[in-house]
């Protein structure tokens, strides 16, 4: 029995070492890029067409690295790339101008389990909140009130939450403890993010209409680590692999909020927002 235990430990250690790269994998810059918005049912009841646009809040945080959290905003309004008045009658699909609301994640490393346990590189969480809007303000209004409100009210809160739940958590010594920590803390963060969004939907005025909010939590995993996290999320009932496109249910969220968990890799996400604010279908891509 003793010989078997020692042999097993040696095999496990060898697997961990093989699942890592000295110094971590080469850094990559990923971008979350809004692509299109289809107006199925208009938000506006008084104009011939809507003026759909996107505001994105991006966030990132390194597990066990205090002070590593960051959050930022990118707005199609601030970029001066809003659609023309009445640009999107019902049934119209509009393209989001390239680069007008992208969120870049520079220096990202897709890690295997050994990279994290041996601390060759810290495991980092990435994500975006995409606010899909209709411009209600008259054409002569040039301000970006919702973008400014999100920048002042949401961005600092996101950073503070990440500092507590992700950056402030020490990396545990074993694979099981690491997976448990990531699943637990991400579940807590998603619940907190959902509460923030509901408060925003209920508390903001109406300079522009929020038709939907698409949340993407992007995990930079590779190899064995990807499968381990997928299994752990499924067991914890946070992520169900059978849910189309990786979308997850959270209690008490309105239909205008959709949350998706997936790998930080080339992908396309389609968010279908059908609620009292209208029916929009928003497409987003992740790429380099």
C-alpha atoms as a PDB file:
ATOM      1  CA  UNK A   1       0.000   0.000   0.000  1.00  0.00           C
ATOM      2  CA  UNK A   2       2.816   2.373   0.892  1.00  0.00           C
ATOM      3  CA  UNK A   3       4.589   1.646  -2.394  1.00  0.00           C
ATOM      4  CA  UNK A   4       1.381   2.279  -4.315  1.00  0.00           C
ATOM      5  CA  UNK A   5       0.838   5.609  -2.551  1.00  0.00           C
ATOM      6  CA  UNK A   6       4.366   6.808  -3.258  1.00  0.00           C
ATOM      7  CA  UNK A   7       4.105   5.713  -6.878  1.00  0.00           C
ATOM      8  CA  UNK A   8       0.770   7.470  -7.217  1.00  0.00           C
ATOM      9  CA  UNK A   9       2.207  10.676  -5.814  1.00  0.00           C
ATOM     10  CA  UNK A  10       5.110  10.518  -8.234  1.00  0.00           C
ATOM     11  CA  UNK A  11       2.748   9.996 -11.171  1.00  0.00           C
ATOM     12  CA  UNK A  12       0.555  12.915 -10.065  1.00  0.00           C
ATOM     13  CA  UNK A  13       3.584  15.143  -9.630  1.00  0.00           C
ATOM     14  CA  UNK A  14       4.814  14.214 -13.092  1.00  0.00           C
ATOM     15  CA  UNK A  15       1.399  15.041 -14.564  1.00  0.00           C
ATOM     16  CA  UNK A  16       1.380  18.459 -12.912  1.00  0.00           C
ATOM     17  CA  UNK A  17       4.890  19.256 -14.097  1.00  0.00           C
ATOM     18  CA  UNK A  18       4.059  18.124 -17.638  1.00  0.00           C
ATOM     19  CA  UNK A  19       0.986  20.362 -17.633  1.00  0.00           C
ATOM     20  CA  UNK A  20       2.979  23.556 -17.360  1.00  0.00           C
ATOM     21  CA  UNK A  21       5.356  25.737 -19.339  1.00  0.00           C
ATOM     22  CA  UNK A  22       8.371  27.417 -17.670  1.00  0.00           C
ATOM     23  CA  UNK A  23       7.446  31.081 -17.332  1.00  0.00           C
ATOM     24  CA  UNK A  24       3.975  30.329 -18.609  1.00  0.00           C
ATOM     25  CA  UNK A  25       2.723  30.297 -22.224  1.00  0.00           C
ATOM     26  CA  UNK A  26       3.500  33.199 -24.550  1.00  0.00           C
ATOM     27  CA  UNK A  27       1.233  36.206 -23.830  1.00  0.00           C
ATOM     28  CA  UNK A  28      -1.539  36.975 -26.317  1.00  0.00           C
ATOM     29  CA  UNK A  29      -3.729  40.056 -26.767  1.00  0.00           C
ATOM     30  CA  UNK A  30      -7.374  39.024 -27.037  1.00  0.00           C
ATOM     31  CA  UNK A  31     -10.252  41.347 -27.917  1.00  0.00           C
ATOM     32  CA  UNK A  32     -13.963  41.124 -27.191  1.00  0.00           C
ATOM     33  CA  UNK A  33     -15.547  42.806 -30.201  1.00  0.00           C
ATOM     34  CA  UNK A  34     -19.203  43.777 -30.727  1.00  0.00           C
ATOM     35  CA  UNK A  35     -20.267  42.630 -34.191  1.00  0.00           C
ATOM     36  CA  UNK A  36     -23.959  43.155 -34.994  1.00  0.00           C
ATOM     37  CA  UNK A  37     -27.310  44.090 -33.469  1.00  0.00           C
ATOM     38  CA  UNK A  38     -30.558  42.865 -35.026  1.00  0.00           C
ATOM     39  CA  UNK A  39     -33.665  44.849 -34.103  1.00  0.00           C
ATOM     40  CA  UNK A  40     -36.471  42.279 -34.078  1.00  0.00           C
ATOM     41  CA  UNK A  41     -38.908  44.521 -32.193  1.00  0.00           C
ATOM     42  CA  UNK A  42     -38.147  48.219 -31.774  1.00  0.00           C
ATOM     43  CA  UNK A  43     -37.536  49.862 -28.428  1.00  0.00           C
ATOM     44  CA  UNK A  44     -38.864  53.234 -29.538  1.00  0.00           C
ATOM     45  CA  UNK A  45     -42.599  53.701 -29.934  1.00  0.00           C
ATOM     46  CA  UNK A  46     -42.356  57.133 -31.552  1.00  0.00           C
ATOM     47  CA  UNK A  47     -39.682  56.822 -34.257  1.00  0.00           C
ATOM     48  CA  UNK A  48     -39.530  54.889 -37.518  1.00  0.00           C
ATOM     49  CA  UNK A  49     -36.398  53.068 -36.407  1.00  0.00           C
ATOM     50  CA  UNK A  50     -34.089  52.566 -33.437  1.00  0.00           C
ATOM     51  CA  UNK A  51     -30.463  53.690 -32.999  1.00  0.00           C
ATOM     52  CA  UNK A  52     -28.876  50.594 -31.416  1.00  0.00           C
ATOM     53  CA  UNK A  53     -25.382  50.813 -29.973  1.00  0.00           C
ATOM     54  CA  UNK A  54     -23.062  49.096 -27.469  1.00  0.00           C
ATOM     55  CA  UNK A  55     -21.193  50.054 -24.297  1.00  0.00           C
ATOM     56  CA  UNK A  56     -18.753  47.493 -22.909  1.00  0.00           C
ATOM     57  CA  UNK A  57     -17.227  47.261 -19.434  1.00  0.00           C
ATOM     58  CA  UNK A  58     -14.191  44.986 -19.348  1.00  0.00           C
ATOM     59  CA  UNK A  59     -12.589  43.488 -16.263  1.00  0.00           C
ATOM     60  CA  UNK A  60      -9.658  41.261 -15.287  1.00  0.00           C
ATOM     61  CA  UNK A  61      -8.040  39.989 -12.085  1.00  0.00           C
ATOM     62  CA  UNK A  62      -5.194  37.605 -11.196  1.00  0.00           C
ATOM     63  CA  UNK A  63      -5.870  34.928  -8.614  1.00  0.00           C
ATOM     64  CA  UNK A  64      -3.793  35.563  -5.496  1.00  0.00           C
ATOM     65  CA  UNK A  65      -2.121  38.735  -6.797  1.00  0.00           C
ATOM     66  CA  UNK A  66      -3.240  41.718  -4.683  1.00  0.00           C
ATOM     67  CA  UNK A  67      -3.799  44.907  -6.656  1.00  0.00           C
ATOM     68  CA  UNK A  68      -4.017  43.107 -10.009  1.00  0.00           C
ATOM     69  CA  UNK A  69      -7.694  43.843 -10.679  1.00  0.00           C
ATOM     70  CA  UNK A  70      -8.690  46.311 -13.373  1.00  0.00           C
ATOM     71  CA  UNK A  71     -11.901  47.467 -15.028  1.00  0.00           C
ATOM     72  CA  UNK A  72     -12.422  49.760 -18.007  1.00  0.00           C
ATOM     73  CA  UNK A  73     -15.123  51.008 -20.337  1.00  0.00           C
ATOM     74  CA  UNK A  74     -15.383  51.282 -24.121  1.00  0.00           C
ATOM     75  CA  UNK A  75     -18.364  53.033 -25.663  1.00  0.00           C
ATOM     76  CA  UNK A  76     -19.660  53.364 -29.189  1.00  0.00           C
ATOM     77  CA  UNK A  77     -21.092  56.713 -28.085  1.00  0.00           C
ATOM     78  CA  UNK A  78     -17.759  58.021 -26.814  1.00  0.00           C
ATOM     79  CA  UNK A  79     -16.111  56.821 -30.035  1.00  0.00           C
ATOM     80  CA  UNK A  80     -18.478  59.009 -32.069  1.00  0.00           C
ATOM     81  CA  UNK A  81     -19.801  55.946 -33.883  1.00  0.00           C
ATOM     82  CA  UNK A  82     -23.531  56.093 -33.133  1.00  0.00           C
ATOM     83  CA  UNK A  83     -25.941  55.089 -35.911  1.00  0.00           C
ATOM     84  CA  UNK A  84     -28.006  57.710 -37.678  1.00  0.00           C
ATOM     85  CA  UNK A  85     -31.556  58.473 -36.493  1.00  0.00           C
ATOM     86  CA  UNK A  86     -34.092  55.813 -37.565  1.00  0.00           C
ATOM     87  CA  UNK A  87     -31.213  53.600 -38.764  1.00  0.00           C
ATOM     88  CA  UNK A  88     -32.816  50.345 -37.634  1.00  0.00           C
ATOM     89  CA  UNK A  89     -36.517  49.698 -38.270  1.00  0.00           C
ATOM     90  CA  UNK A  90     -37.847  46.350 -37.054  1.00  0.00           C
ATOM     91  CA  UNK A  91     -36.147  43.499 -38.913  1.00  0.00           C
ATOM     92  CA  UNK A  92     -32.926  45.441 -39.560  1.00  0.00           C
ATOM     93  CA  UNK A  93     -29.438  44.229 -38.619  1.00  0.00           C
ATOM     94  CA  UNK A  94     -26.802  46.911 -38.064  1.00  0.00           C
ATOM     95  CA  UNK A  95     -23.054  46.337 -37.874  1.00  0.00           C
ATOM     96  CA  UNK A  96     -21.152  47.833 -34.954  1.00  0.00           C
ATOM     97  CA  UNK A  97     -18.265  49.875 -36.459  1.00  0.00           C
ATOM     98  CA  UNK A  98     -14.957  48.060 -35.991  1.00  0.00           C
ATOM     99  CA  UNK A  99     -13.013  49.200 -32.950  1.00  0.00           C
ATOM    100  CA  UNK A 100     -15.751  51.485 -31.633  1.00  0.00           C
ATOM    101  CA  UNK A 101     -16.472  49.496 -28.454  1.00  0.00           C
ATOM    102  CA  UNK A 102     -13.814  46.764 -28.300  1.00  0.00           C
ATOM    103  CA  UNK A 103     -12.330  45.579 -25.008  1.00  0.00           C
ATOM    104  CA  UNK A 104      -8.679  44.441 -25.397  1.00  0.00           C
ATOM    105  CA  UNK A 105      -7.010  42.069 -22.954  1.00  0.00           C
ATOM    106  CA  UNK A 106      -3.268  42.440 -23.480  1.00  0.00           C
ATOM    107  CA  UNK A 107      -0.763  39.931 -22.124  1.00  0.00           C
ATOM    108  CA  UNK A 108      -3.246  37.106 -21.492  1.00  0.00           C
ATOM    109  CA  UNK A 109      -1.826  33.610 -20.885  1.00  0.00           C
ATOM    110  CA  UNK A 110      -3.909  30.461 -21.394  1.00  0.00           C
ATOM    111  CA  UNK A 111      -2.675  28.249 -18.541  1.00  0.00           C
ATOM    112  CA  UNK A 112      -2.782  24.536 -17.788  1.00  0.00           C
ATOM    113  CA  UNK A 113      -3.269  23.245 -14.239  1.00  0.00           C
ATOM    114  CA  UNK A 114       0.456  22.869 -13.594  1.00  0.00           C
ATOM    115  CA  UNK A 115       1.153  26.496 -14.480  1.00  0.00           C
ATOM    116  CA  UNK A 116      -1.146  27.624 -11.676  1.00  0.00           C
ATOM    117  CA  UNK A 117      -0.154  25.087  -9.005  1.00  0.00           C
ATOM    118  CA  UNK A 118       3.570  25.594  -9.591  1.00  0.00           C
ATOM    119  CA  UNK A 119       2.963  29.343  -9.963  1.00  0.00           C
ATOM    120  CA  UNK A 120       4.880  29.646 -13.224  1.00  0.00           C
ATOM    121  CA  UNK A 121       2.246  32.296 -14.012  1.00  0.00           C
ATOM    122  CA  UNK A 122      -0.855  33.558 -12.150  1.00  0.00           C
ATOM    123  CA  UNK A 123      -4.312  32.461 -13.280  1.00  0.00           C
ATOM    124  CA  UNK A 124      -6.262  35.489 -14.493  1.00  0.00           C
ATOM    125  CA  UNK A 125     -10.011  35.969 -14.865  1.00  0.00           C
ATOM    126  CA  UNK A 126     -11.295  38.043 -17.803  1.00  0.00           C
ATOM    127  CA  UNK A 127     -14.757  39.239 -18.705  1.00  0.00           C
ATOM    128  CA  UNK A 128     -17.051  41.838 -20.216  1.00  0.00           C
ATOM    129  CA  UNK A 129     -20.452  43.356 -19.600  1.00  0.00           C
ATOM    130  CA  UNK A 130     -22.010  44.443 -22.904  1.00  0.00           C
ATOM    131  CA  UNK A 131     -24.816  46.974 -22.523  1.00  0.00           C
ATOM    132  CA  UNK A 132     -26.918  46.884 -25.688  1.00  0.00           C
ATOM    133  CA  UNK A 133     -28.662  50.228 -25.961  1.00  0.00           C
ATOM    134  CA  UNK A 134     -31.106  52.284 -27.974  1.00  0.00           C
ATOM    135  CA  UNK A 135     -30.197  55.950 -28.375  1.00  0.00           C
ATOM    136  CA  UNK A 136     -33.269  57.870 -27.233  1.00  0.00           C
ATOM    137  CA  UNK A 137     -31.634  61.271 -26.937  1.00  0.00           C
ATOM    138  CA  UNK A 138     -32.444  63.754 -29.742  1.00  0.00           C
ATOM    139  CA  UNK A 139     -29.813  64.030 -32.514  1.00  0.00           C
ATOM    140  CA  UNK A 140     -28.642  67.432 -31.273  1.00  0.00           C
ATOM    141  CA  UNK A 141     -27.646  65.923 -27.876  1.00  0.00           C
ATOM    142  CA  UNK A 142     -23.959  64.995 -28.049  1.00  0.00           C
ATOM    143  CA  UNK A 143     -23.331  63.713 -24.516  1.00  0.00           C
ATOM    144  CA  UNK A 144     -22.944  60.070 -23.467  1.00  0.00           C
ATOM    145  CA  UNK A 145     -24.883  60.027 -20.193  1.00  0.00           C
ATOM    146  CA  UNK A 146     -25.189  56.248 -19.748  1.00  0.00           C
ATOM    147  CA  UNK A 147     -21.515  55.702 -20.597  1.00  0.00           C
ATOM    148  CA  UNK A 148     -20.576  58.327 -18.022  1.00  0.00           C
ATOM    149  CA  UNK A 149     -22.833  56.775 -15.373  1.00  0.00           C
ATOM    150  CA  UNK A 150     -21.412  53.289 -15.923  1.00  0.00           C
ATOM    151  CA  UNK A 151     -17.886  54.679 -15.803  1.00  0.00           C
ATOM    152  CA  UNK A 152     -18.454  56.411 -12.482  1.00  0.00           C
ATOM    153  CA  UNK A 153     -20.826  53.946 -10.782  1.00  0.00           C
ATOM    154  CA  UNK A 154     -20.021  50.451 -12.077  1.00  0.00           C
ATOM    155  CA  UNK A 155     -16.332  50.381 -13.049  1.00  0.00           C
ATOM    156  CA  UNK A 156     -14.988  51.116  -9.522  1.00  0.00           C
ATOM    157  CA  UNK A 157     -17.374  48.586  -7.921  1.00  0.00           C
ATOM    158  CA  UNK A 158     -16.295  45.856 -10.343  1.00  0.00           C
ATOM    159  CA  UNK A 159     -12.650  46.452  -9.492  1.00  0.00           C
ATOM    160  CA  UNK A 160     -13.322  46.386  -5.749  1.00  0.00           C
ATOM    161  CA  UNK A 161     -15.273  43.121  -6.002  1.00  0.00           C
ATOM    162  CA  UNK A 162     -12.508  41.464  -8.011  1.00  0.00           C
ATOM    163  CA  UNK A 163      -9.888  42.639  -5.510  1.00  0.00           C
ATOM    164  CA  UNK A 164     -11.801  40.856  -2.747  1.00  0.00           C
ATOM    165  CA  UNK A 165     -12.974  37.675  -4.501  1.00  0.00           C
ATOM    166  CA  UNK A 166     -10.135  36.942  -6.936  1.00  0.00           C
ATOM    167  CA  UNK A 167      -6.961  38.952  -6.311  1.00  0.00           C
ATOM    168  CA  UNK A 168      -7.323  38.655  -2.535  1.00  0.00           C
ATOM    169  CA  UNK A 169      -7.546  34.844  -2.544  1.00  0.00           C
ATOM    170  CA  UNK A 170      -4.303  32.924  -1.995  1.00  0.00           C
ATOM    171  CA  UNK A 171      -3.516  30.099  -4.441  1.00  0.00           C
ATOM    172  CA  UNK A 172      -4.070  26.797  -2.566  1.00  0.00           C
ATOM    173  CA  UNK A 173      -1.484  23.980  -2.718  1.00  0.00           C
ATOM    174  CA  UNK A 174      -3.578  21.179  -4.245  1.00  0.00           C
ATOM    175  CA  UNK A 175      -5.470  20.724  -7.497  1.00  0.00           C
ATOM    176  CA  UNK A 176      -8.756  19.952  -5.718  1.00  0.00           C
ATOM    177  CA  UNK A 177      -8.536  23.026  -3.496  1.00  0.00           C
ATOM    178  CA  UNK A 178      -7.634  25.212  -6.472  1.00  0.00           C
ATOM    179  CA  UNK A 179     -10.644  24.056  -8.505  1.00  0.00           C
ATOM    180  CA  UNK A 180     -12.969  24.451  -5.509  1.00  0.00           C
ATOM    181  CA  UNK A 181     -11.685  27.978  -4.869  1.00  0.00           C
ATOM    182  CA  UNK A 182     -12.109  29.089  -8.489  1.00  0.00           C
ATOM    183  CA  UNK A 183     -15.625  27.644  -8.788  1.00  0.00           C
ATOM    184  CA  UNK A 184     -16.759  29.102  -5.457  1.00  0.00           C
ATOM    185  CA  UNK A 185     -15.326  32.572  -6.023  1.00  0.00           C
ATOM    186  CA  UNK A 186     -16.554  32.815  -9.611  1.00  0.00           C
ATOM    187  CA  UNK A 187     -20.025  31.796  -8.466  1.00  0.00           C
ATOM    188  CA  UNK A 188     -19.958  34.544  -5.837  1.00  0.00           C
ATOM    189  CA  UNK A 189     -18.678  37.069  -8.371  1.00  0.00           C
ATOM    190  CA  UNK A 190     -21.378  36.194 -10.918  1.00  0.00           C
ATOM    191  CA  UNK A 191     -24.073  36.590  -8.266  1.00  0.00           C
ATOM    192  CA  UNK A 192     -22.626  39.952  -7.239  1.00  0.00           C
ATOM    193  CA  UNK A 193     -22.375  41.066 -10.877  1.00  0.00           C
ATOM    194  CA  UNK A 194     -26.005  40.107 -11.411  1.00  0.00           C
ATOM    195  CA  UNK A 195     -27.028  42.221  -8.422  1.00  0.00           C
ATOM    196  CA  UNK A 196     -25.026  45.204  -9.744  1.00  0.00           C
ATOM    197  CA  UNK A 197     -26.722  44.934 -13.121  1.00  0.00           C
ATOM    198  CA  UNK A 198     -30.223  44.705 -11.652  1.00  0.00           C
ATOM    199  CA  UNK A 199     -29.512  47.804  -9.551  1.00  0.00           C
ATOM    200  CA  UNK A 200     -28.330  49.634 -12.669  1.00  0.00           C
ATOM    201  CA  UNK A 201     -31.396  48.615 -14.679  1.00  0.00           C
ATOM    202  CA  UNK A 202     -33.685  49.782 -11.887  1.00  0.00           C
ATOM    203  CA  UNK A 203     -31.786  52.868 -10.769  1.00  0.00           C
ATOM    204  CA  UNK A 204     -30.701  54.726 -13.896  1.00  0.00           C
ATOM    205  CA  UNK A 205     -32.835  57.325 -15.572  1.00  0.00           C
ATOM    206  CA  UNK A 206     -33.806  57.112 -19.209  1.00  0.00           C
ATOM    207  CA  UNK A 207     -31.488  59.241 -21.348  1.00  0.00           C
ATOM    208  CA  UNK A 208     -31.050  56.070 -23.432  1.00  0.00           C
ATOM    209  CA  UNK A 209     -32.743  52.687 -23.096  1.00  0.00           C
ATOM    210  CA  UNK A 210     -30.899  49.549 -21.945  1.00  0.00           C
ATOM    211  CA  UNK A 211     -32.432  46.762 -24.036  1.00  0.00           C
ATOM    212  CA  UNK A 212     -30.153  44.002 -22.738  1.00  0.00           C
ATOM    213  CA  UNK A 213     -26.940  43.221 -20.870  1.00  0.00           C
ATOM    214  CA  UNK A 214     -24.681  40.395 -22.035  1.00  0.00           C
ATOM    215  CA  UNK A 215     -22.121  39.163 -19.500  1.00  0.00           C
ATOM    216  CA  UNK A 216     -19.181  37.054 -20.640  1.00  0.00           C
ATOM    217  CA  UNK A 217     -16.819  35.391 -18.160  1.00  0.00           C
ATOM    218  CA  UNK A 218     -13.756  34.233 -20.103  1.00  0.00           C
ATOM    219  CA  UNK A 219     -11.354  31.717 -18.574  1.00  0.00           C
ATOM    220  CA  UNK A 220      -7.832  31.468 -20.091  1.00  0.00           C
ATOM    221  CA  UNK A 221      -7.370  27.720 -19.673  1.00  0.00           C
ATOM    222  CA  UNK A 222      -5.549  25.082 -21.694  1.00  0.00           C
ATOM    223  CA  UNK A 223      -5.193  21.298 -21.726  1.00  0.00           C
ATOM    224  CA  UNK A 224      -6.313  19.385 -18.643  1.00  0.00           C
ATOM    225  CA  UNK A 225      -7.328  22.566 -16.816  1.00  0.00           C
ATOM    226  CA  UNK A 226     -10.194  23.255 -19.249  1.00  0.00           C
ATOM    227  CA  UNK A 227     -11.802  19.865 -18.638  1.00  0.00           C
ATOM    228  CA  UNK A 228     -11.338  20.048 -14.878  1.00  0.00           C
ATOM    229  CA  UNK A 229     -13.104  23.421 -14.633  1.00  0.00           C
ATOM    230  CA  UNK A 230     -15.928  22.369 -16.963  1.00  0.00           C
ATOM    231  CA  UNK A 231     -16.581  19.322 -14.774  1.00  0.00           C
ATOM    232  CA  UNK A 232     -16.382  21.337 -11.557  1.00  0.00           C
ATOM    233  CA  UNK A 233     -18.821  23.987 -12.816  1.00  0.00           C
ATOM    234  CA  UNK A 234     -21.257  21.279 -13.865  1.00  0.00           C
ATOM    235  CA  UNK A 235     -21.067  19.480 -10.499  1.00  0.00           C
ATOM    236  CA  UNK A 236     -21.567  22.780  -8.664  1.00  0.00           C
ATOM    237  CA  UNK A 237     -24.624  23.532 -10.855  1.00  0.00           C
ATOM    238  CA  UNK A 238     -23.028  26.858 -11.831  1.00  0.00           C
ATOM    239  CA  UNK A 239     -22.261  25.798 -15.386  1.00  0.00           C
ATOM    240  CA  UNK A 240     -24.253  23.143 -17.212  1.00  0.00           C
ATOM    241  CA  UNK A 241     -22.546  21.885 -20.350  1.00  0.00           C
ATOM    242  CA  UNK A 242     -25.933  21.084 -21.882  1.00  0.00           C
ATOM    243  CA  UNK A 243     -26.968  24.730 -21.877  1.00  0.00           C
ATOM    244  CA  UNK A 244     -26.666  26.064 -25.410  1.00  0.00           C
ATOM    245  CA  UNK A 245     -23.675  28.318 -25.926  1.00  0.00           C
ATOM    246  CA  UNK A 246     -22.513  28.094 -22.311  1.00  0.00           C
ATOM    247  CA  UNK A 247     -25.258  30.353 -20.934  1.00  0.00           C
ATOM    248  CA  UNK A 248     -25.978  29.912 -17.251  1.00  0.00           C
ATOM    249  CA  UNK A 249     -29.079  30.601 -15.144  1.00  0.00           C
ATOM    250  CA  UNK A 250     -28.942  32.842 -12.091  1.00  0.00           C
ATOM    251  CA  UNK A 251     -32.014  33.386  -9.919  1.00  0.00           C
ATOM    252  CA  UNK A 252     -33.738  36.760  -9.820  1.00  0.00           C
ATOM    253  CA  UNK A 253     -32.165  38.071 -13.029  1.00  0.00           C
ATOM    254  CA  UNK A 254     -34.508  39.756 -15.534  1.00  0.00           C
ATOM    255  CA  UNK A 255     -34.830  38.400 -19.070  1.00  0.00           C
ATOM    256  CA  UNK A 256     -32.784  41.355 -20.328  1.00  0.00           C
ATOM    257  CA  UNK A 257     -29.648  39.923 -18.655  1.00  0.00           C
ATOM    258  CA  UNK A 258     -27.782  36.928 -20.110  1.00  0.00           C
ATOM    259  CA  UNK A 259     -24.604  35.427 -18.591  1.00  0.00           C
ATOM    260  CA  UNK A 260     -22.215  33.202 -20.517  1.00  0.00           C
ATOM    261  CA  UNK A 261     -19.129  31.323 -19.273  1.00  0.00           C
ATOM    262  CA  UNK A 262     -16.550  30.052 -21.742  1.00  0.00           C
ATOM    263  CA  UNK A 263     -12.857  29.764 -22.564  1.00  0.00           C
ATOM    264  CA  UNK A 264     -10.774  32.754 -23.605  1.00  0.00           C
ATOM    265  CA  UNK A 265     -10.470  31.569 -27.186  1.00  0.00           C
ATOM    266  CA  UNK A 266     -11.741  32.365 -30.672  1.00  0.00           C
ATOM    267  CA  UNK A 267     -15.527  32.273 -30.385  1.00  0.00           C
ATOM    268  CA  UNK A 268     -18.838  33.921 -31.259  1.00  0.00           C
ATOM    269  CA  UNK A 269     -21.601  34.580 -28.739  1.00  0.00           C
ATOM    270  CA  UNK A 270     -25.211  35.379 -29.632  1.00  0.00           C
ATOM    271  CA  UNK A 271     -27.348  37.101 -26.983  1.00  0.00           C
ATOM    272  CA  UNK A 272     -31.118  37.128 -27.516  1.00  0.00           C
ATOM    273  CA  UNK A 273     -32.710  39.930 -25.482  1.00  0.00           C
ATOM    274  CA  UNK A 274     -36.506  39.763 -25.610  1.00  0.00           C
ATOM    275  CA  UNK A 275     -38.210  41.838 -22.953  1.00  0.00           C
ATOM    276  CA  UNK A 276     -40.258  44.943 -22.232  1.00  0.00           C
ATOM    277  CA  UNK A 277     -37.520  47.153 -23.714  1.00  0.00           C
ATOM    278  CA  UNK A 278     -37.745  45.521 -27.129  1.00  0.00           C
ATOM    279  CA  UNK A 279     -36.281  42.469 -28.822  1.00  0.00           C
ATOM    280  CA  UNK A 280     -32.656  42.702 -29.950  1.00  0.00           C
ATOM    281  CA  UNK A 281     -30.253  39.934 -30.998  1.00  0.00           C
ATOM    282  CA  UNK A 282     -26.662  40.922 -30.253  1.00  0.00           C
ATOM    283  CA  UNK A 283     -23.611  39.129 -31.654  1.00  0.00           C
ATOM    284  CA  UNK A 284     -20.147  39.423 -30.143  1.00  0.00           C
ATOM    285  CA  UNK A 285     -16.831  37.824 -31.092  1.00  0.00           C
ATOM    286  CA  UNK A 286     -13.635  36.999 -29.213  1.00  0.00           C
ATOM    287  CA  UNK A 287     -10.440  37.036 -31.258  1.00  0.00           C
ATOM    288  CA  UNK A 288      -6.886  38.298 -31.544  1.00  0.00           C
END
